[in-house]
Amino acid sequence: MSRRVEIGLEGGGVLLVTVEDADVTALTSAYTNGGGFHAVTSEEGDNVVNLAKVTYVRVLPGEAKSRLGFGGGS
């Protein structure tokens, strides 16, 4: 299952990515275990994050939406 994860960065920036559950576990584990760089593979692309500059990691509730856009009935 894909999850949306918000990664807060020093200086106020935010990286919002859609990752698989295993990648959420790997990211949160790396973040709680200390600094260094961590590769995050997401639907939006590959990112390398300096964990020393991360202020928080927030896993958004529910699973990620499979599409973007406006919904509505006809």
PDB file of N, CA and C in Angstrom:
ATOM      1  N   MET A   1       0.848  -1.176   0.000  1.00  0.00           N
ATOM      2  CA  MET A   1       0.000   0.000   0.000  1.00  0.00           C
ATOM      3  C   MET A   1       0.893   1.239   0.000  1.00  0.00           C
ATOM      4  N   SER A   2       0.494   2.244  -0.735  1.00  0.00           N
ATOM      5  CA  SER A   2       1.226   3.505  -0.787  1.00  0.00           C
ATOM      6  C   SER A   2       0.721   4.439   0.301  1.00  0.00           C
ATOM      7  N   ARG A   3       1.642   5.199   0.872  1.00  0.00           N
ATOM      8  CA  ARG A   3       1.308   6.179   1.912  1.00  0.00           C
ATOM      9  C   ARG A   3       1.916   7.524   1.549  1.00  0.00           C
ATOM     10  N   ARG A   4       1.252   8.588   1.948  1.00  0.00           N
ATOM     11  CA  ARG A   4       1.797   9.940   1.786  1.00  0.00           C
ATOM     12  C   ARG A   4       2.592  10.270   3.036  1.00  0.00           C
ATOM     13  N   VAL A   5       3.784  10.785   2.828  1.00  0.00           N
ATOM     14  CA  VAL A   5       4.672  11.137   3.924  1.00  0.00           C
ATOM     15  C   VAL A   5       5.132  12.573   3.729  1.00  0.00           C
ATOM     16  N   GLU A   6       5.032  13.338   4.796  1.00  0.00           N
ATOM     17  CA  GLU A   6       5.468  14.730   4.814  1.00  0.00           C
ATOM     18  C   GLU A   6       6.784  14.779   5.573  1.00  0.00           C
ATOM     19  N   ILE A   7       7.825  15.306   4.933  1.00  0.00           N
ATOM     20  CA  ILE A   7       9.141  15.415   5.562  1.00  0.00           C
ATOM     21  C   ILE A   7       9.433  16.897   5.732  1.00  0.00           C
ATOM     22  N   GLY A   8       9.465  17.354   6.993  1.00  0.00           N
ATOM     23  CA  GLY A   8       9.745  18.755   7.287  1.00  0.00           C
ATOM     24  C   GLY A   8      11.241  18.993   7.306  1.00  0.00           C
ATOM     25  N   LEU A   9      11.675  20.067   6.659  1.00  0.00           N
ATOM     26  CA  LEU A   9      13.090  20.373   6.549  1.00  0.00           C
ATOM     27  C   LEU A   9      13.440  21.657   7.282  1.00  0.00           C
ATOM     28  N   GLU A  10      14.657  21.702   7.778  1.00  0.00           N
ATOM     29  CA  GLU A  10      15.169  22.899   8.436  1.00  0.00           C
ATOM     30  C   GLU A  10      14.970  24.089   7.502  1.00  0.00           C
ATOM     31  N   GLY A  11      14.514  25.198   8.022  1.00  0.00           N
ATOM     32  CA  GLY A  11      14.270  26.379   7.209  1.00  0.00           C
ATOM     33  C   GLY A  11      12.835  26.484   6.722  1.00  0.00           C
ATOM     34  N   GLY A  12      12.006  25.469   7.018  1.00  0.00           N
ATOM     35  CA  GLY A  12      10.591  25.553   6.705  1.00  0.00           C
ATOM     36  C   GLY A  12      10.134  24.809   5.463  1.00  0.00           C
ATOM     37  N   GLY A  13      11.049  24.233   4.704  1.00  0.00           N
ATOM     38  CA  GLY A  13      10.648  23.487   3.519  1.00  0.00           C
ATOM     39  C   GLY A  13       9.979  22.170   3.890  1.00  0.00           C
ATOM     40  N   VAL A  14       9.155  21.677   2.989  1.00  0.00           N
ATOM     41  CA  VAL A  14       8.458  20.410   3.203  1.00  0.00           C
ATOM     42  C   VAL A  14       8.556  19.595   1.918  1.00  0.00           C
ATOM     43  N   LEU A  15       8.877  18.320   2.079  1.00  0.00           N
ATOM     44  CA  LEU A  15       8.898  17.382   0.962  1.00  0.00           C
ATOM     45  C   LEU A  15       7.742  16.420   1.178  1.00  0.00           C
ATOM     46  N   LEU A  16       6.815  16.370   0.222  1.00  0.00           N
ATOM     47  CA  LEU A  16       5.655  15.491   0.315  1.00  0.00           C
ATOM     48  C   LEU A  16       5.831  14.394  -0.727  1.00  0.00           C
ATOM     49  N   VAL A  17       5.909  13.144  -0.266  1.00  0.00           N
ATOM     50  CA  VAL A  17       6.171  12.024  -1.162  1.00  0.00           C
ATOM     51  C   VAL A  17       5.164  10.907  -0.933  1.00  0.00           C
ATOM     52  N   THR A  18       4.985  10.079  -1.954  1.00  0.00           N
ATOM     53  CA  THR A  18       4.135   8.902  -1.877  1.00  0.00           C
ATOM     54  C   THR A  18       5.050   7.690  -1.937  1.00  0.00           C
ATOM     55  N   VAL A  19       5.084   6.912  -0.858  1.00  0.00           N
ATOM     56  CA  VAL A  19       6.006   5.779  -0.773  1.00  0.00           C
ATOM     57  C   VAL A  19       5.271   4.524  -0.320  1.00  0.00           C
ATOM     58  N   GLU A  20       5.877   3.380  -0.565  1.00  0.00           N
ATOM     59  CA  GLU A  20       5.336   2.105  -0.110  1.00  0.00           C
ATOM     60  C   GLU A  20       5.556   1.966   1.395  1.00  0.00           C
ATOM     61  N   ASP A  21       4.765   1.113   2.037  1.00  0.00           N
ATOM     62  CA  ASP A  21       4.855   0.906   3.489  1.00  0.00           C
ATOM     63  C   ASP A  21       6.269   0.556   3.945  1.00  0.00           C
ATOM     64  N   ALA A  22       6.961  -0.311   3.202  1.00  0.00           N
ATOM     65  CA  ALA A  22       8.319  -0.700   3.589  1.00  0.00           C
ATOM     66  C   ALA A  22       9.257   0.502   3.592  1.00  0.00           C
ATOM     67  N   ASP A  23       9.048   1.431   2.651  1.00  0.00           N
ATOM     68  CA  ASP A  23       9.879   2.624   2.594  1.00  0.00           C
ATOM     69  C   ASP A  23       9.556   3.590   3.727  1.00  0.00           C
ATOM     70  N   VAL A  24       8.300   3.618   4.169  1.00  0.00           N
ATOM     71  CA  VAL A  24       7.926   4.429   5.336  1.00  0.00           C
ATOM     72  C   VAL A  24       8.678   3.916   6.561  1.00  0.00           C
ATOM     73  N   THR A  25       8.673   2.602   6.733  1.00  0.00           N
ATOM     74  CA  THR A  25       9.365   1.988   7.869  1.00  0.00           C
ATOM     75  C   THR A  25      10.859   2.284   7.818  1.00  0.00           C
ATOM     76  N   ALA A  26      11.462   2.149   6.650  1.00  0.00           N
ATOM     77  CA  ALA A  26      12.897   2.411   6.503  1.00  0.00           C
ATOM     78  C   ALA A  26      13.233   3.869   6.798  1.00  0.00           C
ATOM     79  N   LEU A  27      12.398   4.792   6.311  1.00  0.00           N
ATOM     80  CA  LEU A  27      12.638   6.220   6.537  1.00  0.00           C
ATOM     81  C   LEU A  27      12.509   6.570   8.015  1.00  0.00           C
ATOM     82  N   THR A  28      11.438   6.148   8.651  1.00  0.00           N
ATOM     83  CA  THR A  28      11.249   6.496  10.064  1.00  0.00           C
ATOM     84  C   THR A  28      12.320   5.848  10.933  1.00  0.00           C
ATOM     85  N   SER A  29      12.740   4.652  10.587  1.00  0.00           N
ATOM     86  CA  SER A  29      13.811   3.987  11.332  1.00  0.00           C
ATOM     87  C   SER A  29      15.129   4.746  11.174  1.00  0.00           C
ATOM     88  N   ALA A  30      15.463   5.129   9.952  1.00  0.00           N
ATOM     89  CA  ALA A  30      16.695   5.880   9.710  1.00  0.00           C
ATOM     90  C   ALA A  30      16.666   7.225  10.434  1.00  0.00           C
ATOM     91  N   TYR A  31      15.499   7.874  10.442  1.00  0.00           N
ATOM     92  CA  TYR A  31      15.364   9.180  11.092  1.00  0.00           C
ATOM     93  C   TYR A  31      15.554   9.063  12.610  1.00  0.00           C
ATOM     94  N   THR A  32      14.969   8.045  13.211  1.00  0.00           N
ATOM     95  CA  THR A  32      15.081   7.904  14.667  1.00  0.00           C
ATOM     96  C   THR A  32      16.445   7.383  15.094  1.00  0.00           C
ATOM     97  N   ASN A  33      17.190   6.772  14.171  1.00  0.00           N
ATOM     98  CA  ASN A  33      18.504   6.224  14.507  1.00  0.00           C
ATOM     99  C   ASN A  33      19.652   7.191  14.278  1.00  0.00           C
ATOM    100  N   GLY A  34      19.385   8.388  13.785  1.00  0.00           N
ATOM    101  CA  GLY A  34      20.464   9.356  13.656  1.00  0.00           C
ATOM    102  C   GLY A  34      20.547   9.988  12.292  1.00  0.00           C
ATOM    103  N   GLY A  35      21.617  10.763  12.110  1.00  0.00           N
ATOM    104  CA  GLY A  35      21.798  11.562  10.901  1.00  0.00           C
ATOM    105  C   GLY A  35      22.288  10.775   9.713  1.00  0.00           C
ATOM    106  N   GLY A  36      22.928  11.477   8.809  1.00  0.00           N
ATOM    107  CA  GLY A  36      23.376  10.881   7.565  1.00  0.00           C
ATOM    108  C   GLY A  36      22.376  11.117   6.455  1.00  0.00           C
ATOM    109  N   PHE A  37      22.651  10.537   5.332  1.00  0.00           N
ATOM    110  CA  PHE A  37      21.783  10.674   4.178  1.00  0.00           C
ATOM    111  C   PHE A  37      20.959   9.413   4.016  1.00  0.00           C
ATOM    112  N   HIS A  38      19.722   9.578   3.521  1.00  0.00           N
ATOM    113  CA  HIS A  38      18.832   8.441   3.315  1.00  0.00           C
ATOM    114  C   HIS A  38      18.145   8.607   1.965  1.00  0.00           C
ATOM    115  N   ALA A  39      18.176   7.545   1.152  1.00  0.00           N
ATOM    116  CA  ALA A  39      17.500   7.562  -0.145  1.00  0.00           C
ATOM    117  C   ALA A  39      16.025   7.247   0.052  1.00  0.00           C
ATOM    118  N   VAL A  40      15.172   8.052  -0.559  1.00  0.00           N
ATOM    119  CA  VAL A  40      13.722   7.853  -0.499  1.00  0.00           C
ATOM    120  C   VAL A  40      13.233   7.668  -1.933  1.00  0.00           C
ATOM    121  N   THR A  41      12.774   6.471  -2.239  1.00  0.00           N
ATOM    122  CA  THR A  41      12.216   6.189  -3.558  1.00  0.00           C
ATOM    123  C   THR A  41      10.714   6.386  -3.476  1.00  0.00           C
ATOM    124  N   SER A  42      10.199   7.264  -4.310  1.00  0.00           N
ATOM    125  CA  SER A  42       8.777   7.588  -4.253  1.00  0.00           C
ATOM    126  C   SER A  42       8.186   7.616  -5.649  1.00  0.00           C
ATOM    127  N   GLU A  43       6.861   7.708  -5.705  1.00  0.00           N
ATOM    128  CA  GLU A  43       6.177   7.833  -6.996  1.00  0.00           C
ATOM    129  C   GLU A  43       6.575   9.126  -7.705  1.00  0.00           C
ATOM    130  N   GLU A  44       6.968  10.136  -6.944  1.00  0.00           N
ATOM    131  CA  GLU A  44       7.334  11.431  -7.515  1.00  0.00           C
ATOM    132  C   GLU A  44       8.769  11.450  -8.027  1.00  0.00           C
ATOM    133  N   GLY A  45       9.566  10.453  -7.663  1.00  0.00           N
ATOM    134  CA  GLY A  45      10.962  10.391  -8.077  1.00  0.00           C
ATOM    135  C   GLY A  45      11.851   9.963  -6.930  1.00  0.00           C
ATOM    136  N   ASP A  46      13.134   9.857  -7.212  1.00  0.00           N
ATOM    137  CA  ASP A  46      14.098   9.463  -6.185  1.00  0.00           C
ATOM    138  C   ASP A  46      14.656  10.707  -5.502  1.00  0.00           C
ATOM    139  N   ASN A  47      14.762  10.633  -4.180  1.00  0.00           N
ATOM    140  CA  ASN A  47      15.259  11.746  -3.382  1.00  0.00           C
ATOM    141  C   ASN A  47      16.315  11.222  -2.416  1.00  0.00           C
ATOM    142  N   VAL A  48      17.318  12.033  -2.143  1.00  0.00           N
ATOM    143  CA  VAL A  48      18.276  11.733  -1.091  1.00  0.00           C
ATOM    144  C   VAL A  48      18.144  12.845  -0.066  1.00  0.00           C
ATOM    145  N   VAL A  49      17.812  12.469   1.169  1.00  0.00           N
ATOM    146  CA  VAL A  49      17.505  13.433   2.214  1.00  0.00           C
ATOM    147  C   VAL A  49      18.612  13.412   3.260  1.00  0.00           C
ATOM    148  N   ASN A  50      19.088  14.602   3.639  1.00  0.00           N
ATOM    149  CA  ASN A  50      20.043  14.733   4.725  1.00  0.00           C
ATOM    150  C   ASN A  50      19.246  14.727   6.028  1.00  0.00           C
ATOM    151  N   LEU A  51      19.278  13.617   6.737  1.00  0.00           N
ATOM    152  CA  LEU A  51      18.456  13.475   7.943  1.00  0.00           C
ATOM    153  C   LEU A  51      18.831  14.461   9.044  1.00  0.00           C
ATOM    154  N   ALA A  52      20.031  15.000   8.996  1.00  0.00           N
ATOM    155  CA  ALA A  52      20.439  16.006   9.978  1.00  0.00           C
ATOM    156  C   ALA A  52      19.654  17.308   9.787  1.00  0.00           C
ATOM    157  N   LYS A  53      19.069  17.504   8.612  1.00  0.00           N
ATOM    158  CA  LYS A  53      18.301  18.717   8.305  1.00  0.00           C
ATOM    159  C   LYS A  53      16.792  18.495   8.388  1.00  0.00           C
ATOM    160  N   VAL A  54      16.372  17.283   8.745  1.00  0.00           N
ATOM    161  CA  VAL A  54      14.950  16.965   8.852  1.00  0.00           C
ATOM    162  C   VAL A  54      14.452  17.329  10.241  1.00  0.00           C
ATOM    163  N   THR A  55      13.339  18.064  10.313  1.00  0.00           N
ATOM    164  CA  THR A  55      12.779  18.461  11.604  1.00  0.00           C
ATOM    165  C   THR A  55      11.657  17.535  12.052  1.00  0.00           C
ATOM    166  N   TYR A  56      10.982  16.889  11.097  1.00  0.00           N
ATOM    167  CA  TYR A  56       9.943  15.916  11.454  1.00  0.00           C
ATOM    168  C   TYR A  56       9.620  15.035  10.248  1.00  0.00           C
ATOM    169  N   VAL A  57       9.045  13.881  10.543  1.00  0.00           N
ATOM    170  CA  VAL A  57       8.500  12.986   9.524  1.00  0.00           C
ATOM    171  C   VAL A  57       7.074  12.687   9.944  1.00  0.00           C
ATOM    172  N   ARG A  58       6.129  12.989   9.080  1.00  0.00           N
ATOM    173  CA  ARG A  58       4.712  12.778   9.400  1.00  0.00           C
ATOM    174  C   ARG A  58       4.101  11.854   8.348  1.00  0.00           C
ATOM    175  N   VAL A  59       3.583  10.726   8.802  1.00  0.00           N
ATOM    176  CA  VAL A  59       2.880   9.806   7.909  1.00  0.00           C
ATOM    177  C   VAL A  59       1.412  10.198   7.942  1.00  0.00           C
ATOM    178  N   LEU A  60       0.893  10.596   6.792  1.00  0.00           N
ATOM    179  CA  LEU A  60      -0.484  11.052   6.722  1.00  0.00           C
ATOM    180  C   LEU A  60      -1.438   9.862   6.823  1.00  0.00           C
ATOM    181  N   PRO A  61      -2.570  10.053   7.452  1.00  0.00           N
ATOM    182  CA  PRO A  61      -3.506   8.937   7.655  1.00  0.00           C
ATOM    183  C   PRO A  61      -4.098   8.437   6.348  1.00  0.00           C
ATOM    184  N   GLY A  62      -4.423   7.158   6.328  1.00  0.00           N
ATOM    185  CA  GLY A  62      -5.054   6.557   5.156  1.00  0.00           C
ATOM    186  C   GLY A  62      -4.049   6.236   4.079  1.00  0.00           C
ATOM    187  N   GLU A  63      -4.547   5.649   3.005  1.00  0.00           N
ATOM    188  CA  GLU A  63      -3.645   5.347   1.907  1.00  0.00           C
ATOM    189  C   GLU A  63      -3.680   6.471   0.896  1.00  0.00           C
ATOM    190  N   ALA A  64      -2.648   6.553   0.080  1.00  0.00           N
ATOM    191  CA  ALA A  64      -2.528   7.633  -0.888  1.00  0.00           C
ATOM    192  C   ALA A  64      -3.586   7.493  -1.972  1.00  0.00           C
ATOM    193  N   LYS A  65      -4.023   8.609  -2.475  1.00  0.00           N
ATOM    194  CA  LYS A  65      -4.962   8.611  -3.594  1.00  0.00           C
ATOM    195  C   LYS A  65      -4.242   8.094  -4.828  1.00  0.00           C
ATOM    196  N   SER A  66      -4.924   7.313  -5.626  1.00  0.00           N
ATOM    197  CA  SER A  66      -4.294   6.741  -6.804  1.00  0.00           C
ATOM    198  C   SER A  66      -4.307   7.691  -7.994  1.00  0.00           C
ATOM    199  N   ARG A  67      -5.044   8.790  -7.889  1.00  0.00           N
ATOM    200  CA  ARG A  67      -5.074   9.749  -8.981  1.00  0.00           C
ATOM    201  C   ARG A  67      -5.256  11.148  -8.414  1.00  0.00           C
ATOM    202  N   LEU A  68      -4.878  12.118  -9.212  1.00  0.00           N
ATOM    203  CA  LEU A  68      -5.063  13.509  -8.838  1.00  0.00           C
ATOM    204  C   LEU A  68      -6.202  14.092  -9.649  1.00  0.00           C
ATOM    205  N   GLY A  69      -6.832  15.107  -9.116  1.00  0.00           N
ATOM    206  CA  GLY A  69      -7.888  15.771  -9.870  1.00  0.00           C
ATOM    207  C   GLY A  69      -9.118  15.971  -9.022  1.00  0.00           C
ATOM    208  N   PHE A  70     -10.157  16.437  -9.651  1.00  0.00           N
ATOM    209  CA  PHE A  70     -11.395  16.723  -8.979  1.00  0.00           C
ATOM    210  C   PHE A  70     -12.358  15.566  -9.173  1.00  0.00           C
ATOM    211  N   GLY A  71     -12.994  15.152  -8.099  1.00  0.00           N
ATOM    212  CA  GLY A  71     -13.994  14.103  -8.206  1.00  0.00           C
ATOM    213  C   GLY A  71     -15.376  14.718  -8.284  1.00  0.00           C
ATOM    214  N   GLY A  72     -16.287  13.947  -8.685  1.00  0.00           N
ATOM    215  CA  GLY A  72     -17.654  14.450  -8.737  1.00  0.00           C
ATOM    216  C   GLY A  72     -18.533  13.529  -9.545  1.00  0.00           C
ATOM    217  N   GLY A  73     -19.752  13.485  -9.169  1.00  0.00           N
ATOM    218  CA  GLY A  73     -20.691  12.656  -9.912  1.00  0.00           C
ATOM    219  C   GLY A  73     -21.308  13.435 -11.051  1.00  0.00           C
ATOM    220  N   SER A  74     -21.826  12.722 -12.015  1.00  0.00           N
ATOM    221  CA  SER A  74     -22.469  13.410 -13.124  1.00  0.00           C
ATOM    222  C   SER A  74     -23.963  13.250 -13.050  1.00  0.00           C
TER     223      SER A  74
END
